[in-house]
């Protein structure tokens, strides 16, 4: 049986996301990532990280969308 990552090219991605200070920030970052087509989205305020599953092109688009939304995005 194929897993989603085998059938749609998605892979786990973790990004550092600077500038988050509250649960409202976590909600907004989650929304941006979800709107980019990612699944399995988890945003960790304490670590300043977002982890999600997406294709390489989706991940690149999500990184740009987070940057455009004002977040300090790193690898």
PDB file of N, CA and C in Angstrom:
ATOM      1  N   UNK A   1       0.830  -1.180   0.000  1.00  0.00           N
ATOM      2  CA  UNK A   1       0.000   0.000   0.000  1.00  0.00           C
ATOM      3  C   UNK A   1       0.879   1.249   0.000  1.00  0.00           C
ATOM      4  N   UNK A   2       0.544   2.213  -0.816  1.00  0.00           N
ATOM      5  CA  UNK A   2       1.311   3.451  -0.907  1.00  0.00           C
ATOM      6  C   UNK A   2       0.880   4.428   0.172  1.00  0.00           C
ATOM      7  N   UNK A   3       1.859   5.115   0.751  1.00  0.00           N
ATOM      8  CA  UNK A   3       1.555   6.184   1.691  1.00  0.00           C
ATOM      9  C   UNK A   3       1.332   7.457   0.888  1.00  0.00           C
ATOM     10  N   UNK A   4       0.696   8.485   1.497  1.00  0.00           N
ATOM     11  CA  UNK A   4       0.483   9.735   0.755  1.00  0.00           C
ATOM     12  C   UNK A   4       1.759  10.313   0.170  1.00  0.00           C
ATOM     13  N   UNK A   5       2.871  10.226   0.889  1.00  0.00           N
ATOM     14  CA  UNK A   5       4.108  10.809   0.373  1.00  0.00           C
ATOM     15  C   UNK A   5       4.611  10.066  -0.857  1.00  0.00           C
ATOM     16  N   UNK A   6       4.290   8.776  -0.968  1.00  0.00           N
ATOM     17  CA  UNK A   6       4.710   8.015  -2.138  1.00  0.00           C
ATOM     18  C   UNK A   6       3.843   8.314  -3.344  1.00  0.00           C
ATOM     19  N   UNK A   7       2.591   8.670  -3.113  1.00  0.00           N
ATOM     20  CA  UNK A   7       1.681   8.876  -4.234  1.00  0.00           C
ATOM     21  C   UNK A   7       1.595  10.322  -4.690  1.00  0.00           C
ATOM     22  N   UNK A   8       1.797  11.284  -3.800  1.00  0.00           N
ATOM     23  CA  UNK A   8       1.648  12.679  -4.221  1.00  0.00           C
ATOM     24  C   UNK A   8       2.945  13.484  -4.140  1.00  0.00           C
ATOM     25  N   UNK A   9       4.044  12.858  -3.794  1.00  0.00           N
ATOM     26  CA  UNK A   9       5.327  13.546  -3.757  1.00  0.00           C
ATOM     27  C   UNK A   9       5.530  14.415  -2.538  1.00  0.00           C
ATOM     28  N   UNK A  10       4.660  14.314  -1.533  1.00  0.00           N
ATOM     29  CA  UNK A  10       4.820  15.141  -0.347  1.00  0.00           C
ATOM     30  C   UNK A  10       5.880  14.548   0.569  1.00  0.00           C
ATOM     31  N   UNK A  11       6.501  15.433   1.320  1.00  0.00           N
ATOM     32  CA  UNK A  11       7.532  15.033   2.266  1.00  0.00           C
ATOM     33  C   UNK A  11       7.432  15.924   3.493  1.00  0.00           C
ATOM     34  N   UNK A  12       7.864  15.433   4.651  1.00  0.00           N
ATOM     35  CA  UNK A  12       7.864  16.275   5.849  1.00  0.00           C
ATOM     36  C   UNK A  12       8.827  17.454   5.677  1.00  0.00           C
ATOM     37  N   UNK A  13       8.383  18.614   6.090  1.00  0.00           N
ATOM     38  CA  UNK A  13       9.189  19.832   6.014  1.00  0.00           C
ATOM     39  C   UNK A  13       9.118  20.537   7.356  1.00  0.00           C
ATOM     40  N   UNK A  14      10.243  21.013   7.847  1.00  0.00           N
ATOM     41  CA  UNK A  14      10.272  21.804   9.075  1.00  0.00           C
ATOM     42  C   UNK A  14      10.943  23.133   8.768  1.00  0.00           C
ATOM     43  N   UNK A  15      10.280  24.198   9.144  1.00  0.00           N
ATOM     44  CA  UNK A  15      10.802  25.556   8.961  1.00  0.00           C
ATOM     45  C   UNK A  15      10.865  26.249  10.306  1.00  0.00           C
ATOM     46  N   UNK A  16      11.876  27.066  10.515  1.00  0.00           N
ATOM     47  CA  UNK A  16      11.854  27.951  11.674  1.00  0.00           C
ATOM     48  C   UNK A  16      11.013  29.163  11.290  1.00  0.00           C
ATOM     49  N   UNK A  17      10.180  29.590  12.218  1.00  0.00           N
ATOM     50  CA  UNK A  17       9.294  30.725  11.972  1.00  0.00           C
ATOM     51  C   UNK A  17       9.463  31.702  13.132  1.00  0.00           C
ATOM     52  N   UNK A  18      10.186  32.779  12.870  1.00  0.00           N
ATOM     53  CA  UNK A  18      10.421  33.784  13.888  1.00  0.00           C
ATOM     54  C   UNK A  18       9.314  34.816  13.918  1.00  0.00           C
ATOM     55  N   UNK A  19       9.102  35.385  15.093  1.00  0.00           N
ATOM     56  CA  UNK A  19       8.113  36.439  15.247  1.00  0.00           C
ATOM     57  C   UNK A  19       6.828  35.986  15.902  1.00  0.00           C
ATOM     58  N   UNK A  20       6.686  34.691  16.148  1.00  0.00           N
ATOM     59  CA  UNK A  20       5.474  34.205  16.812  1.00  0.00           C
ATOM     60  C   UNK A  20       5.582  34.487  18.310  1.00  0.00           C
ATOM     61  N   UNK A  21       4.532  35.105  18.874  1.00  0.00           N
ATOM     62  CA  UNK A  21       4.557  35.446  20.292  1.00  0.00           C
ATOM     63  C   UNK A  21       3.345  34.941  21.063  1.00  0.00           C
ATOM     64  N   UNK A  22       2.343  34.401  20.363  1.00  0.00           N
ATOM     65  CA  UNK A  22       1.114  33.991  21.054  1.00  0.00           C
ATOM     66  C   UNK A  22       0.364  32.932  20.235  1.00  0.00           C
ATOM     67  N   UNK A  23      -0.717  32.431  20.793  1.00  0.00           N
ATOM     68  CA  UNK A  23      -1.507  31.420  20.097  1.00  0.00           C
ATOM     69  C   UNK A  23      -2.184  31.991  18.846  1.00  0.00           C
ATOM     70  N   UNK A  24      -2.439  33.282  18.827  1.00  0.00           N
ATOM     71  CA  UNK A  24      -2.979  33.909  17.617  1.00  0.00           C
ATOM     72  C   UNK A  24      -1.981  33.805  16.465  1.00  0.00           C
ATOM     73  N   UNK A  25      -0.706  33.959  16.793  1.00  0.00           N
ATOM     74  CA  UNK A  25       0.351  33.803  15.783  1.00  0.00           C
ATOM     75  C   UNK A  25       0.379  32.369  15.268  1.00  0.00           C
ATOM     76  N   UNK A  26       0.271  31.415  16.179  1.00  0.00           N
ATOM     77  CA  UNK A  26       0.258  30.004  15.799  1.00  0.00           C
ATOM     78  C   UNK A  26      -0.910  29.737  14.852  1.00  0.00           C
ATOM     79  N   UNK A  27      -2.063  30.299  15.178  1.00  0.00           N
ATOM     80  CA  UNK A  27      -3.248  30.112  14.331  1.00  0.00           C
ATOM     81  C   UNK A  27      -3.012  30.691  12.943  1.00  0.00           C
ATOM     82  N   UNK A  28      -2.444  31.880  12.863  1.00  0.00           N
ATOM     83  CA  UNK A  28      -2.215  32.521  11.565  1.00  0.00           C
ATOM     84  C   UNK A  28      -1.196  31.742  10.735  1.00  0.00           C
ATOM     85  N   UNK A  29      -0.098  31.320  11.341  1.00  0.00           N
ATOM     86  CA  UNK A  29       0.913  30.548  10.620  1.00  0.00           C
ATOM     87  C   UNK A  29       0.296  29.242  10.120  1.00  0.00           C
ATOM     88  N   UNK A  30      -0.508  28.596  10.962  1.00  0.00           N
ATOM     89  CA  UNK A  30      -1.187  27.363  10.560  1.00  0.00           C
ATOM     90  C   UNK A  30      -2.090  27.607   9.358  1.00  0.00           C
ATOM     91  N   UNK A  31      -2.827  28.717   9.369  1.00  0.00           N
ATOM     92  CA  UNK A  31      -3.714  29.058   8.247  1.00  0.00           C
ATOM     93  C   UNK A  31      -2.934  29.246   6.951  1.00  0.00           C
ATOM     94  N   UNK A  32      -1.833  29.983   7.013  1.00  0.00           N
ATOM     95  CA  UNK A  32      -1.028  30.234   5.813  1.00  0.00           C
ATOM     96  C   UNK A  32      -0.506  28.920   5.241  1.00  0.00           C
ATOM     97  N   UNK A  33      -0.023  28.051   6.116  1.00  0.00           N
ATOM     98  CA  UNK A  33       0.528  26.777   5.657  1.00  0.00           C
ATOM     99  C   UNK A  33      -0.573  25.892   5.072  1.00  0.00           C
ATOM    100  N   UNK A  34      -1.705  25.839   5.725  1.00  0.00           N
ATOM    101  CA  UNK A  34      -2.823  25.022   5.250  1.00  0.00           C
ATOM    102  C   UNK A  34      -3.338  25.536   3.915  1.00  0.00           C
ATOM    103  N   UNK A  35      -3.431  26.842   3.768  1.00  0.00           N
ATOM    104  CA  UNK A  35      -3.887  27.427   2.506  1.00  0.00           C
ATOM    105  C   UNK A  35      -2.926  27.105   1.376  1.00  0.00           C
ATOM    106  N   UNK A  36      -1.669  26.822   1.704  1.00  0.00           N
ATOM    107  CA  UNK A  36      -0.674  26.451   0.701  1.00  0.00           C
ATOM    108  C   UNK A  36      -0.774  25.001   0.258  1.00  0.00           C
ATOM    109  N   UNK A  37      -1.714  24.261   0.839  1.00  0.00           N
ATOM    110  CA  UNK A  37      -1.944  22.885   0.418  1.00  0.00           C
ATOM    111  C   UNK A  37      -1.248  21.829   1.247  1.00  0.00           C
ATOM    112  N   UNK A  38      -0.645  22.227   2.354  1.00  0.00           N
ATOM    113  CA  UNK A  38       0.061  21.259   3.197  1.00  0.00           C
ATOM    114  C   UNK A  38      -0.913  20.469   4.062  1.00  0.00           C
ATOM    115  N   UNK A  39      -0.450  19.320   4.510  1.00  0.00           N
ATOM    116  CA  UNK A  39      -1.208  18.508   5.457  1.00  0.00           C
ATOM    117  C   UNK A  39      -0.338  18.253   6.678  1.00  0.00           C
ATOM    118  N   UNK A  40      -0.940  17.657   7.697  1.00  0.00           N
ATOM    119  CA  UNK A  40      -0.217  17.315   8.931  1.00  0.00           C
ATOM    120  C   UNK A  40       0.524  18.520   9.507  1.00  0.00           C
ATOM    121  N   UNK A  41      -0.143  19.667   9.549  1.00  0.00           N
ATOM    122  CA  UNK A  41       0.493  20.914   9.998  1.00  0.00           C
ATOM    123  C   UNK A  41       0.570  20.952  11.521  1.00  0.00           C
ATOM    124  N   UNK A  42       1.762  21.210  12.024  1.00  0.00           N
ATOM    125  CA  UNK A  42       1.993  21.384  13.451  1.00  0.00           C
ATOM    126  C   UNK A  42       2.882  22.601  13.630  1.00  0.00           C
ATOM    127  N   UNK A  43       2.419  23.554  14.430  1.00  0.00           N
ATOM    128  CA  UNK A  43       3.194  24.762  14.696  1.00  0.00           C
ATOM    129  C   UNK A  43       3.516  24.795  16.187  1.00  0.00           C
ATOM    130  N   UNK A  44       4.806  24.913  16.508  1.00  0.00           N
ATOM    131  CA  UNK A  44       5.284  24.886  17.885  1.00  0.00           C
ATOM    132  C   UNK A  44       5.771  26.278  18.264  1.00  0.00           C
ATOM    133  N   UNK A  45       4.991  26.967  19.079  1.00  0.00           N
ATOM    134  CA  UNK A  45       5.327  28.326  19.496  1.00  0.00           C
ATOM    135  C   UNK A  45       6.641  28.355  20.280  1.00  0.00           C
ATOM    136  N   UNK A  46       6.817  27.433  21.200  1.00  0.00           N
ATOM    137  CA  UNK A  46       8.010  27.408  22.043  1.00  0.00           C
ATOM    138  C   UNK A  46       9.297  27.228  21.255  1.00  0.00           C
ATOM    139  N   UNK A  47       9.255  26.391  20.252  1.00  0.00           N
ATOM    140  CA  UNK A  47      10.444  26.146  19.429  1.00  0.00           C
ATOM    141  C   UNK A  47      10.549  27.095  18.248  1.00  0.00           C
ATOM    142  N   UNK A  48       9.450  27.784  17.942  1.00  0.00           N
ATOM    143  CA  UNK A  48       9.455  28.670  16.781  1.00  0.00           C
ATOM    144  C   UNK A  48       9.586  27.894  15.490  1.00  0.00           C
ATOM    145  N   UNK A  49       8.863  26.757  15.410  1.00  0.00           N
ATOM    146  CA  UNK A  49       8.956  25.887  14.244  1.00  0.00           C
ATOM    147  C   UNK A  49       7.584  25.503  13.723  1.00  0.00           C
ATOM    148  N   UNK A  50       7.551  25.248  12.432  1.00  0.00           N
ATOM    149  CA  UNK A  50       6.357  24.703  11.784  1.00  0.00           C
ATOM    150  C   UNK A  50       6.782  23.454  11.026  1.00  0.00           C
ATOM    151  N   UNK A  51       6.034  22.379  11.209  1.00  0.00           N
ATOM    152  CA  UNK A  51       6.294  21.127  10.515  1.00  0.00           C
ATOM    153  C   UNK A  51       5.039  20.747   9.755  1.00  0.00           C
ATOM    154  N   UNK A  52       5.215  20.311   8.501  1.00  0.00           N
ATOM    155  CA  UNK A  52       4.075  19.959   7.664  1.00  0.00           C
ATOM    156  C   UNK A  52       4.531  19.040   6.549  1.00  0.00           C
ATOM    157  N   UNK A  53       3.561  18.415   5.891  1.00  0.00           N
ATOM    158  CA  UNK A  53       3.841  17.580   4.717  1.00  0.00           C
ATOM    159  C   UNK A  53       3.367  18.311   3.476  1.00  0.00           C
ATOM    160  N   UNK A  54       4.240  18.409   2.482  1.00  0.00           N
ATOM    161  CA  UNK A  54       3.914  19.093   1.233  1.00  0.00           C
ATOM    162  C   UNK A  54       4.924  18.689   0.171  1.00  0.00           C
ATOM    163  N   UNK A  55       4.553  18.900  -1.080  1.00  0.00           N
ATOM    164  CA  UNK A  55       5.504  18.678  -2.165  1.00  0.00           C
ATOM    165  C   UNK A  55       6.572  19.775  -2.102  1.00  0.00           C
ATOM    166  N   UNK A  56       7.650  19.570  -2.807  1.00  0.00           N
ATOM    167  CA  UNK A  56       8.737  20.553  -2.809  1.00  0.00           C
ATOM    168  C   UNK A  56       8.256  21.906  -3.324  1.00  0.00           C
ATOM    169  N   UNK A  57       7.430  21.909  -4.363  1.00  0.00           N
ATOM    170  CA  UNK A  57       6.953  23.188  -4.903  1.00  0.00           C
ATOM    171  C   UNK A  57       5.977  23.858  -3.932  1.00  0.00           C
ATOM    172  N   UNK A  58       5.134  23.061  -3.270  1.00  0.00           N
ATOM    173  CA  UNK A  58       4.225  23.630  -2.266  1.00  0.00           C
ATOM    174  C   UNK A  58       5.025  24.224  -1.109  1.00  0.00           C
ATOM    175  N   UNK A  59       6.047  23.506  -0.656  1.00  0.00           N
ATOM    176  CA  UNK A  59       6.866  23.991   0.457  1.00  0.00           C
ATOM    177  C   UNK A  59       7.532  25.322   0.106  1.00  0.00           C
ATOM    178  N   UNK A  60       8.015  25.448  -1.109  1.00  0.00           N
ATOM    179  CA  UNK A  60       8.630  26.707  -1.552  1.00  0.00           C
ATOM    180  C   UNK A  60       7.589  27.826  -1.583  1.00  0.00           C
ATOM    181  N   UNK A  61       6.395  27.519  -2.078  1.00  0.00           N
ATOM    182  CA  UNK A  61       5.314  28.516  -2.107  1.00  0.00           C
ATOM    183  C   UNK A  61       4.900  28.916  -0.693  1.00  0.00           C
ATOM    184  N   UNK A  62       4.837  27.948   0.211  1.00  0.00           N
ATOM    185  CA  UNK A  62       4.467  28.225   1.599  1.00  0.00           C
ATOM    186  C   UNK A  62       5.513  29.108   2.256  1.00  0.00           C
ATOM    187  N   UNK A  63       6.782  28.831   2.005  1.00  0.00           N
ATOM    188  CA  UNK A  63       7.862  29.664   2.558  1.00  0.00           C
ATOM    189  C   UNK A  63       7.695  31.118   2.089  1.00  0.00           C
ATOM    190  N   UNK A  64       7.426  31.296   0.789  1.00  0.00           N
ATOM    191  CA  UNK A  64       7.229  32.655   0.258  1.00  0.00           C
ATOM    192  C   UNK A  64       5.988  33.308   0.865  1.00  0.00           C
ATOM    193  N   UNK A  65       4.914  32.537   1.044  1.00  0.00           N
ATOM    194  CA  UNK A  65       3.674  33.083   1.615  1.00  0.00           C
ATOM    195  C   UNK A  65       3.886  33.508   3.080  1.00  0.00           C
ATOM    196  N   UNK A  66       4.620  32.707   3.841  1.00  0.00           N
ATOM    197  CA  UNK A  66       4.912  33.082   5.217  1.00  0.00           C
ATOM    198  C   UNK A  66       5.760  34.349   5.259  1.00  0.00           C
ATOM    199  N   UNK A  67       6.747  34.440   4.388  1.00  0.00           N
ATOM    200  CA  UNK A  67       7.594  35.620   4.314  1.00  0.00           C
ATOM    201  C   UNK A  67       6.756  36.852   3.955  1.00  0.00           C
ATOM    202  N   UNK A  68       5.879  36.707   2.968  1.00  0.00           N
ATOM    203  CA  UNK A  68       5.018  37.814   2.541  1.00  0.00           C
ATOM    204  C   UNK A  68       4.060  38.241   3.658  1.00  0.00           C
ATOM    205  N   UNK A  69       3.712  37.286   4.522  1.00  0.00           N
ATOM    206  CA  UNK A  69       2.800  37.571   5.640  1.00  0.00           C
ATOM    207  C   UNK A  69       3.526  38.216   6.813  1.00  0.00           C
ATOM    208  N   UNK A  70       4.858  38.358   6.700  1.00  0.00           N
ATOM    209  CA  UNK A  70       5.619  39.072   7.729  1.00  0.00           C
ATOM    210  C   UNK A  70       6.381  38.214   8.704  1.00  0.00           C
ATOM    211  N   UNK A  71       6.419  36.905   8.484  1.00  0.00           N
ATOM    212  CA  UNK A  71       7.140  36.017   9.395  1.00  0.00           C
ATOM    213  C   UNK A  71       8.604  35.897   8.967  1.00  0.00           C
ATOM    214  N   UNK A  72       9.484  35.707   9.936  1.00  0.00           N
ATOM    215  CA  UNK A  72      10.905  35.530   9.674  1.00  0.00           C
ATOM    216  C   UNK A  72      11.151  34.035   9.474  1.00  0.00           C
ATOM    217  N   UNK A  73      11.206  33.612   8.220  1.00  0.00           N
ATOM    218  CA  UNK A  73      11.263  32.183   7.878  1.00  0.00           C
ATOM    219  C   UNK A  73      12.691  31.756   7.597  1.00  0.00           C
ATOM    220  N   UNK A  74      13.102  30.664   8.246  1.00  0.00           N
ATOM    221  CA  UNK A  74      14.415  30.081   8.000  1.00  0.00           C
ATOM    222  C   UNK A  74      14.253  28.605   7.678  1.00  0.00           C
ATOM    223  N   UNK A  75      15.375  27.945   7.479  1.00  0.00           N
ATOM    224  CA  UNK A  75      15.349  26.512   7.149  1.00  0.00           C
ATOM    225  C   UNK A  75      15.091  25.673   8.374  1.00  0.00           C
TER     226      UNK A  75
END
